[in-house]
């Protein structure tokens, strides 16, 4: 499963200046989360991310940082702005009500694979992700994501494809 690079942030709803949304762009850097602005009491965070290229998404690993629920929708950069995204991962529980209210188990990792994804979106090519994080139980504390890793269901994202004609050509050019 090939890793998919997140090229840039298209839009976001909120961020803590100390923990900006750009922290999600490099999941292998020292762990700095993306957190909601301390003054934001809406209980919901959204980010739209541009992937390096359109790929079928096979795996998504998420590091939680206080979110109770997460939903992931997918789309394409070529779509008109008014076209709605398609749900890849329906709203999923990352923290229970009790844990949220007690501030326990705020950090955890969830790994999602293609069997967790909804059929209309699974297996199609996507280059945009929209993540909706929510924490309706405790609005006095910042929340967000520690990291996000996306992997394609393809074995490799290499552009070069060696076909029969390329093999014949390389054999003929050996002499």
C-alpha atoms as a PDB file:
ATOM      1  CA  UNK A   1       0.000   0.000   0.000  1.00  0.00           C
ATOM      2  CA  UNK A   2       1.570   3.221  -1.170  1.00  0.00           C
ATOM      3  CA  UNK A   3       1.544   6.311   1.067  1.00  0.00           C
ATOM      4  CA  UNK A   4      -0.334   9.305  -0.338  1.00  0.00           C
ATOM      5  CA  UNK A   5       1.130  12.759   0.245  1.00  0.00           C
ATOM      6  CA  UNK A   6      -1.169  15.559   1.348  1.00  0.00           C
ATOM      7  CA  UNK A   7       0.006  18.495  -0.759  1.00  0.00           C
ATOM      8  CA  UNK A   8      -1.796  21.400   0.929  1.00  0.00           C
ATOM      9  CA  UNK A   9      -4.704  22.649   3.018  1.00  0.00           C
ATOM     10  CA  UNK A  10      -7.585  23.957   0.881  1.00  0.00           C
ATOM     11  CA  UNK A  11      -9.674  25.319   3.764  1.00  0.00           C
ATOM     12  CA  UNK A  12     -10.306  24.916   7.484  1.00  0.00           C
ATOM     13  CA  UNK A  13     -12.797  26.156  10.050  1.00  0.00           C
ATOM     14  CA  UNK A  14     -10.603  26.771  13.097  1.00  0.00           C
ATOM     15  CA  UNK A  15      -7.086  26.339  14.434  1.00  0.00           C
ATOM     16  CA  UNK A  16      -5.014  27.168  17.466  1.00  0.00           C
ATOM     17  CA  UNK A  17      -2.151  29.445  16.339  1.00  0.00           C
ATOM     18  CA  UNK A  18       0.221  27.221  18.349  1.00  0.00           C
ATOM     19  CA  UNK A  19      -1.163  24.052  16.730  1.00  0.00           C
ATOM     20  CA  UNK A  20      -2.103  24.963  13.126  1.00  0.00           C
ATOM     21  CA  UNK A  21      -3.788  22.711  10.594  1.00  0.00           C
ATOM     22  CA  UNK A  22      -0.540  22.542   8.572  1.00  0.00           C
ATOM     23  CA  UNK A  23       0.729  20.106  11.220  1.00  0.00           C
ATOM     24  CA  UNK A  24      -1.337  17.449   9.405  1.00  0.00           C
ATOM     25  CA  UNK A  25       0.685  17.840   6.193  1.00  0.00           C
ATOM     26  CA  UNK A  26       3.677  15.850   7.412  1.00  0.00           C
ATOM     27  CA  UNK A  27       2.616  12.901   9.567  1.00  0.00           C
ATOM     28  CA  UNK A  28       6.234  11.807  10.112  1.00  0.00           C
ATOM     29  CA  UNK A  29       7.420  15.091  11.633  1.00  0.00           C
ATOM     30  CA  UNK A  30       7.659  15.468  15.416  1.00  0.00           C
ATOM     31  CA  UNK A  31       4.153  15.067  16.787  1.00  0.00           C
ATOM     32  CA  UNK A  32       2.377  18.404  16.822  1.00  0.00           C
ATOM     33  CA  UNK A  33      -1.404  18.194  16.559  1.00  0.00           C
ATOM     34  CA  UNK A  34      -3.957  20.359  14.791  1.00  0.00           C
ATOM     35  CA  UNK A  35      -6.214  21.789  17.487  1.00  0.00           C
ATOM     36  CA  UNK A  36      -9.264  24.029  17.523  1.00  0.00           C
ATOM     37  CA  UNK A  37      -8.894  27.664  18.495  1.00  0.00           C
ATOM     38  CA  UNK A  38      -9.279  27.959  22.303  1.00  0.00           C
ATOM     39  CA  UNK A  39     -12.031  30.573  21.803  1.00  0.00           C
ATOM     40  CA  UNK A  40     -13.978  28.340  19.375  1.00  0.00           C
ATOM     41  CA  UNK A  41     -16.801  26.717  21.351  1.00  0.00           C
ATOM     42  CA  UNK A  42     -18.718  25.381  18.314  1.00  0.00           C
ATOM     43  CA  UNK A  43     -17.724  21.786  19.030  1.00  0.00           C
ATOM     44  CA  UNK A  44     -16.912  21.169  15.357  1.00  0.00           C
ATOM     45  CA  UNK A  45     -13.734  21.366  13.259  1.00  0.00           C
ATOM     46  CA  UNK A  46     -13.484  20.981   9.485  1.00  0.00           C
ATOM     47  CA  UNK A  47     -10.548  20.779   7.126  1.00  0.00           C
ATOM     48  CA  UNK A  48     -10.378  20.174   3.383  1.00  0.00           C
ATOM     49  CA  UNK A  49      -7.099  18.684   2.170  1.00  0.00           C
ATOM     50  CA  UNK A  50      -5.666  18.332  -1.332  1.00  0.00           C
ATOM     51  CA  UNK A  51      -3.901  15.050  -2.055  1.00  0.00           C
ATOM     52  CA  UNK A  52      -0.866  14.966  -4.335  1.00  0.00           C
ATOM     53  CA  UNK A  53      -2.860  13.041  -6.946  1.00  0.00           C
ATOM     54  CA  UNK A  54      -6.168  11.234  -7.443  1.00  0.00           C
ATOM     55  CA  UNK A  55      -5.942   7.714  -6.024  1.00  0.00           C
ATOM     56  CA  UNK A  56      -8.177   4.963  -4.655  1.00  0.00           C
ATOM     57  CA  UNK A  57      -7.961   5.272  -0.868  1.00  0.00           C
ATOM     58  CA  UNK A  58      -7.286   1.968   0.859  1.00  0.00           C
ATOM     59  CA  UNK A  59      -6.248   2.963   4.381  1.00  0.00           C
ATOM     60  CA  UNK A  60      -6.505   6.001   6.647  1.00  0.00           C
ATOM     61  CA  UNK A  61      -4.758   6.181  10.026  1.00  0.00           C
ATOM     62  CA  UNK A  62      -5.884   8.901  12.422  1.00  0.00           C
ATOM     63  CA  UNK A  63      -4.276  10.085  15.638  1.00  0.00           C
ATOM     64  CA  UNK A  64      -6.987  11.474  17.887  1.00  0.00           C
ATOM     65  CA  UNK A  65      -6.520  14.478  20.125  1.00  0.00           C
ATOM     66  CA  UNK A  66      -9.831  14.838  21.955  1.00  0.00           C
ATOM     67  CA  UNK A  67     -12.376  14.365  19.129  1.00  0.00           C
ATOM     68  CA  UNK A  68     -15.504  12.408  19.977  1.00  0.00           C
ATOM     69  CA  UNK A  69     -16.512  11.805  16.347  1.00  0.00           C
ATOM     70  CA  UNK A  70     -14.865  11.866  12.927  1.00  0.00           C
ATOM     71  CA  UNK A  71     -16.389  11.785   9.451  1.00  0.00           C
ATOM     72  CA  UNK A  72     -14.364  11.691   6.221  1.00  0.00           C
ATOM     73  CA  UNK A  73     -15.814  12.808   2.899  1.00  0.00           C
ATOM     74  CA  UNK A  74     -14.070  12.684  -0.474  1.00  0.00           C
ATOM     75  CA  UNK A  75     -14.220  14.690  -3.669  1.00  0.00           C
ATOM     76  CA  UNK A  76     -12.239  15.872  -6.665  1.00  0.00           C
ATOM     77  CA  UNK A  77     -10.498  19.177  -7.248  1.00  0.00           C
ATOM     78  CA  UNK A  78     -12.005  19.245 -10.757  1.00  0.00           C
ATOM     79  CA  UNK A  79     -15.557  19.343  -9.366  1.00  0.00           C
ATOM     80  CA  UNK A  80     -17.549  22.594  -9.288  1.00  0.00           C
ATOM     81  CA  UNK A  81     -17.540  24.251  -5.854  1.00  0.00           C
ATOM     82  CA  UNK A  82     -21.254  23.590  -5.319  1.00  0.00           C
ATOM     83  CA  UNK A  83     -20.983  19.829  -5.891  1.00  0.00           C
ATOM     84  CA  UNK A  84     -21.279  17.980  -2.567  1.00  0.00           C
ATOM     85  CA  UNK A  85     -18.571  15.617  -1.395  1.00  0.00           C
ATOM     86  CA  UNK A  86     -19.306  11.891  -0.976  1.00  0.00           C
ATOM     87  CA  UNK A  87     -19.014  10.195   2.419  1.00  0.00           C
ATOM     88  CA  UNK A  88     -16.131   7.737   2.561  1.00  0.00           C
ATOM     89  CA  UNK A  89     -16.190   7.091   6.318  1.00  0.00           C
ATOM     90  CA  UNK A  90     -19.475   7.832   8.101  1.00  0.00           C
ATOM     91  CA  UNK A  91     -19.381   9.551  11.496  1.00  0.00           C
ATOM     92  CA  UNK A  92     -17.304   7.255  13.683  1.00  0.00           C
ATOM     93  CA  UNK A  93     -16.832   7.347  17.454  1.00  0.00           C
ATOM     94  CA  UNK A  94     -13.295   8.139  18.593  1.00  0.00           C
ATOM     95  CA  UNK A  95     -14.182   8.869  22.245  1.00  0.00           C
ATOM     96  CA  UNK A  96     -17.119   7.793  24.360  1.00  0.00           C
ATOM     97  CA  UNK A  97     -19.405  10.255  26.149  1.00  0.00           C
ATOM     98  CA  UNK A  98     -17.908   9.254  29.514  1.00  0.00           C
ATOM     99  CA  UNK A  99     -14.308   9.594  28.311  1.00  0.00           C
ATOM    100  CA  UNK A 100     -15.120  12.970  26.747  1.00  0.00           C
ATOM    101  CA  UNK A 101     -16.677  14.353  29.930  1.00  0.00           C
ATOM    102  CA  UNK A 102     -13.877  13.004  32.145  1.00  0.00           C
ATOM    103  CA  UNK A 103     -11.090  14.004  29.736  1.00  0.00           C
ATOM    104  CA  UNK A 104      -9.838  10.405  29.542  1.00  0.00           C
ATOM    105  CA  UNK A 105      -8.428   8.570  26.517  1.00  0.00           C
ATOM    106  CA  UNK A 106      -8.089  11.800  24.512  1.00  0.00           C
ATOM    107  CA  UNK A 107      -5.241  10.407  22.443  1.00  0.00           C
ATOM    108  CA  UNK A 108      -5.599   7.201  20.539  1.00  0.00           C
ATOM    109  CA  UNK A 109      -5.027   5.847  17.054  1.00  0.00           C
ATOM    110  CA  UNK A 110      -7.721   4.490  14.764  1.00  0.00           C
ATOM    111  CA  UNK A 111      -6.899   2.636  11.572  1.00  0.00           C
ATOM    112  CA  UNK A 112      -9.525   2.450   8.873  1.00  0.00           C
ATOM    113  CA  UNK A 113      -9.357   0.249   5.777  1.00  0.00           C
ATOM    114  CA  UNK A 114     -11.434  -0.206   2.656  1.00  0.00           C
ATOM    115  CA  UNK A 115     -13.990  -2.472   4.368  1.00  0.00           C
ATOM    116  CA  UNK A 116     -14.800   0.444   6.723  1.00  0.00           C
ATOM    117  CA  UNK A 117     -15.518   2.753   3.776  1.00  0.00           C
ATOM    118  CA  UNK A 118     -18.932   3.204   2.163  1.00  0.00           C
ATOM    119  CA  UNK A 119     -19.458   1.474  -1.194  1.00  0.00           C
ATOM    120  CA  UNK A 120     -20.243   4.510  -3.398  1.00  0.00           C
ATOM    121  CA  UNK A 121     -16.850   6.075  -2.563  1.00  0.00           C
ATOM    122  CA  UNK A 122     -14.699   2.993  -2.021  1.00  0.00           C
ATOM    123  CA  UNK A 123     -12.361   2.110  -4.882  1.00  0.00           C
ATOM    124  CA  UNK A 124     -12.893   5.372  -6.801  1.00  0.00           C
ATOM    125  CA  UNK A 125     -10.142   7.923  -7.479  1.00  0.00           C
ATOM    126  CA  UNK A 126     -10.098  10.904  -5.080  1.00  0.00           C
ATOM    127  CA  UNK A 127      -7.792  13.876  -4.616  1.00  0.00           C
ATOM    128  CA  UNK A 128      -9.678  15.798  -1.916  1.00  0.00           C
ATOM    129  CA  UNK A 129     -10.472  14.840   1.677  1.00  0.00           C
ATOM    130  CA  UNK A 130     -12.842  16.710   3.970  1.00  0.00           C
ATOM    131  CA  UNK A 131     -12.543  15.778   7.637  1.00  0.00           C
ATOM    132  CA  UNK A 132     -15.223  16.784  10.116  1.00  0.00           C
ATOM    133  CA  UNK A 133     -14.200  16.381  13.752  1.00  0.00           C
ATOM    134  CA  UNK A 134     -16.678  17.023  16.524  1.00  0.00           C
ATOM    135  CA  UNK A 135     -16.689  17.143  20.303  1.00  0.00           C
ATOM    136  CA  UNK A 136     -20.224  18.013  21.442  1.00  0.00           C
ATOM    137  CA  UNK A 137     -19.717  16.832  25.034  1.00  0.00           C
ATOM    138  CA  UNK A 138     -16.986  19.203  26.285  1.00  0.00           C
ATOM    139  CA  UNK A 139     -16.750  22.572  24.590  1.00  0.00           C
ATOM    140  CA  UNK A 140     -14.328  24.120  27.090  1.00  0.00           C
ATOM    141  CA  UNK A 141     -11.298  22.199  25.818  1.00  0.00           C
ATOM    142  CA  UNK A 142      -9.464  22.360  22.460  1.00  0.00           C
ATOM    143  CA  UNK A 143      -9.609  19.217  20.339  1.00  0.00           C
ATOM    144  CA  UNK A 144      -8.348  18.023  16.982  1.00  0.00           C
ATOM    145  CA  UNK A 145      -6.118  15.445  15.349  1.00  0.00           C
ATOM    146  CA  UNK A 146      -2.545  14.431  16.169  1.00  0.00           C
ATOM    147  CA  UNK A 147      -1.844  13.064  12.682  1.00  0.00           C
ATOM    148  CA  UNK A 148      -3.414  11.754   9.491  1.00  0.00           C
ATOM    149  CA  UNK A 149      -1.892   9.121   7.201  1.00  0.00           C
ATOM    150  CA  UNK A 150      -3.492   8.150   3.915  1.00  0.00           C
ATOM    151  CA  UNK A 151      -2.509   5.111   1.860  1.00  0.00           C
ATOM    152  CA  UNK A 152      -3.672   4.116  -1.572  1.00  0.00           C
ATOM    153  CA  UNK A 153      -4.929   0.637  -2.348  1.00  0.00           C
ATOM    154  CA  UNK A 154      -2.375   0.631  -5.200  1.00  0.00           C
ATOM    155  CA  UNK A 155       0.941  -1.111  -4.559  1.00  0.00           C
ATOM    156  CA  UNK A 156       2.883   1.837  -5.976  1.00  0.00           C
ATOM    157  CA  UNK A 157       2.130   5.389  -7.076  1.00  0.00           C
ATOM    158  CA  UNK A 158       5.017   5.390  -9.563  1.00  0.00           C
ATOM    159  CA  UNK A 159       4.135   6.989 -12.906  1.00  0.00           C
ATOM    160  CA  UNK A 160       6.396   4.731 -14.929  1.00  0.00           C
ATOM    161  CA  UNK A 161       4.777   1.601 -16.261  1.00  0.00           C
ATOM    162  CA  UNK A 162       6.859  -0.986 -18.061  1.00  0.00           C
ATOM    163  CA  UNK A 163       4.882  -2.643 -20.808  1.00  0.00           C
ATOM    164  CA  UNK A 164       5.878  -5.288 -23.383  1.00  0.00           C
ATOM    165  CA  UNK A 165       7.040  -2.676 -25.925  1.00  0.00           C
ATOM    166  CA  UNK A 166       9.402  -1.128 -23.370  1.00  0.00           C
ATOM    167  CA  UNK A 167      10.882  -4.548 -22.616  1.00  0.00           C
ATOM    168  CA  UNK A 168      11.439  -5.322 -26.318  1.00  0.00           C
ATOM    169  CA  UNK A 169      13.018  -1.906 -26.822  1.00  0.00           C
ATOM    170  CA  UNK A 170      15.424  -2.396 -23.913  1.00  0.00           C
ATOM    171  CA  UNK A 171      16.476  -5.831 -25.236  1.00  0.00           C
ATOM    172  CA  UNK A 172      17.073  -4.447 -28.764  1.00  0.00           C
ATOM    173  CA  UNK A 173      19.108  -1.512 -27.448  1.00  0.00           C
ATOM    174  CA  UNK A 174      21.444  -3.759 -25.430  1.00  0.00           C
ATOM    175  CA  UNK A 175      23.654  -4.485 -28.462  1.00  0.00           C
END
